Amino acid sequence: MADEERKMYNFPGNARSDVWKHFGFYAVDDNAESIQLDRSKAICKICHLAIKNHGNTTNLYNHVTKRHGRELASELQTKMFGDHRFQCVPSSTLDTDENDYNKSKTITNALLEYIISDCVPTSSIQTKAFRKLLFRLDPKCEIPDDNFSTTRISKIYRETKQQILSEVRQNTNGGSMAIEVWSSLSSTWISLCLHYIDNMWKMKAYQLKSLQIDDNLDNKNLNEIIENCVSEWNTCPPVSVVGNGDFYNNHTDLSWHFIPCLAQTINNAALKGFEIPDVKKLIDKGRNLIRYLENHASSLPMIDDDIVTVDTSKWLSIYEMFQWLSTNTAVIEDNLCGTHTKTQSLKLLFTSEDQILTENLLSAFKEMKTATSIVCEESKPLVSMILPVLQKLLTSFTVNQSDNIIISSIKSTVYNQLSSTYKHENINLYLIGSSLLDPRYKELPLVSKEQRNQAKEIIFSAALINGRSMAVPSDISSNSPTTTILEPSPKKLKVESEPTTSTLDDWFSDVVCQQGRKEHTELDRIKTEFNKFQFTDRVSAKSDPLLWWRKHEIIFPLLSNIAKRFLCTPATSIPANRVLTCSGQEQEASRNRLPSKEVEQLVFLNKNYKRSIDI
């Protein structure tokens, strides 16, 4: 069968890159009853050419640009320059409609968009050359001066903040706080982002504040920062805080649940495994080989794929380096063996032992590669996915008898790093409770009955204690078979007033048990709803749990409220692709170059411009 006649399948799930709409996959066997996609090669929908798929989209986008640039000219232009509509900025301040505003104001508004969307210092548009460029474009254009930031940018900041304040103050369902610590020039900053689920079951996320801090931030200061932020924005106190597990490793006495960032946990655990001496040597050898190929690319015959870029701070970048070297072993050997510097180049080649170790590493980290893809492709990774992902990784990194010494050492290192990050009982039970309230993961076969019961008690307790932190009670112990939780007196349901007894009740008492009947408390209703929820069918892992709860809220009115308080916590404190991949690094570098006086306003506007779209 010709390739043009074969049935092509779209990218399964939600693709993060728009380029995937021009590519699909063939089935491994077109005649099989159960369709299994061959994801090793992406098939161009325009020319049906097979492109090797290594997990990133660089080669796919290069193919579309070079081969089909004219056919997709308008789309590629949008891809390059982006959509500069400012949704979070009030239209009274930033309106680029040229029908209503003259050219001068349009250029000025474009400058504001450039500064905020790219998070660049205002000094970048105050140079002599830049002002000359603006004058050439339009002599009437407002030339930015030293007061540009304190006037235009400040006005946008105040109006945007007021708009978000009105939304945040309407939230009564509780929320979570994502924390990121980063550096700008010579200063250290902490940024706080509020996450909550609104009444329509849409996840909302807004950057609230960025503060300059000392390097020796302690528990008391961190609690004070969060409390002041909550007070300033007049919002509900967060039930959880998610951030870098390394930075907050000793902050176990916080007022809220602290949840280590899943993306950073995966990256740190993998990099820890790569520190094994034999693996470290192989990484250095691979980097030297890649560097040599880059420096001599012009004198070497064409290699099938673009040479990968290696960032040793990202575990996935190292994995993709090994994957690329393994795939192109024969081509690399043919290229280097044919060069004039044969002796020098042959020293760079992987030996047979190196190739065996490379294949073993790719096999050992295969499940972590899948977990990384899942976390990065998830549009809104929730805290409920941490425990299932963690259990899957711990299973894959359990040492087998067939593993050699190096692989056993790597697996043990990664296993210990992963398990120790979430070992605190307070964190573990919160993760179990979150997964129990997610229709995708609620079964949890690997969780013990004792831990499941403890997590259920936390859910029930949190449902009755409105507006208070869902902390694990001090009397919960991993060694105690039963759990006793101090709770306020259960609230009774409001019912219409009726006589306490009657002659008719007395007459029926022996057959309908009217005497001494038990009134259903709110706790009874919550337990009933929870048991009913547990017996519902588990939904697909690709399903949206928030959409499921929106449709079933009327069936579980009490349990749905507590689900909002648990599921509002993100699995990662910052976008996973920034931690695990090389994408997003340019904008992060721009932010890190901001002067201190501009950080608060520009970071706030930059983040909230993006966050204005529901995630």
Foldseek 3Di string as FASTA:
>chain_A
DDLLPADWAADPFFFPDPLSVQWTFGFPDSPDPDTDTDQQWIAGNPPRDTHGCLPDCPVSVVCCCPPPCPVCVVVVVCVVPPDLDFPLFDCVQQPQPCVVDPPQVNVVSVVVSVCQQLVFAPVVCQDPVNQVVSCVVPVPHDRDDPCNCVPSLVVRLVVSLVVVLVVQLVDQLAWEWFWDWDFADPWIKIWIKTWFADPLLFIFIATQWIDTDDPPDDQVNVLVVQVVSCVVSVHFRHLEYEYACVSCVPNPPHQHHYAYFLLNLLFVLLLQLCVPVVNVVLLVLLVVLLVVCVVCVVVWPDDSDDRQDADSLFSVSSLSSLVVCLVCVVVQCVRQCPDPPNVVNVVSHDDPVSSVVSVVVCQLCVLVVVVLSVQQSDPFAWLLVSVVSLVVNLVSLDDDPPDDPSSVSSSVSSNCSSCVSQVPLQSVLLNLLLNCLFLQRNVPPVDDPQSNVQSVVLLLQPLQDRSHHSTRDPPDDPPDSDDDDDHPDFAFDDDDDDDPDDPVCVVCCVPPVSPPDDGDTPSNLLVVLSVVSSPDHRDHPSDDRSVVCSVCCVVRVSSSSSNRSSGSHTSRSDNSCVNNHVPPVSSVVSLSNYDPVCNTSSVSSNVVSVSVDTD
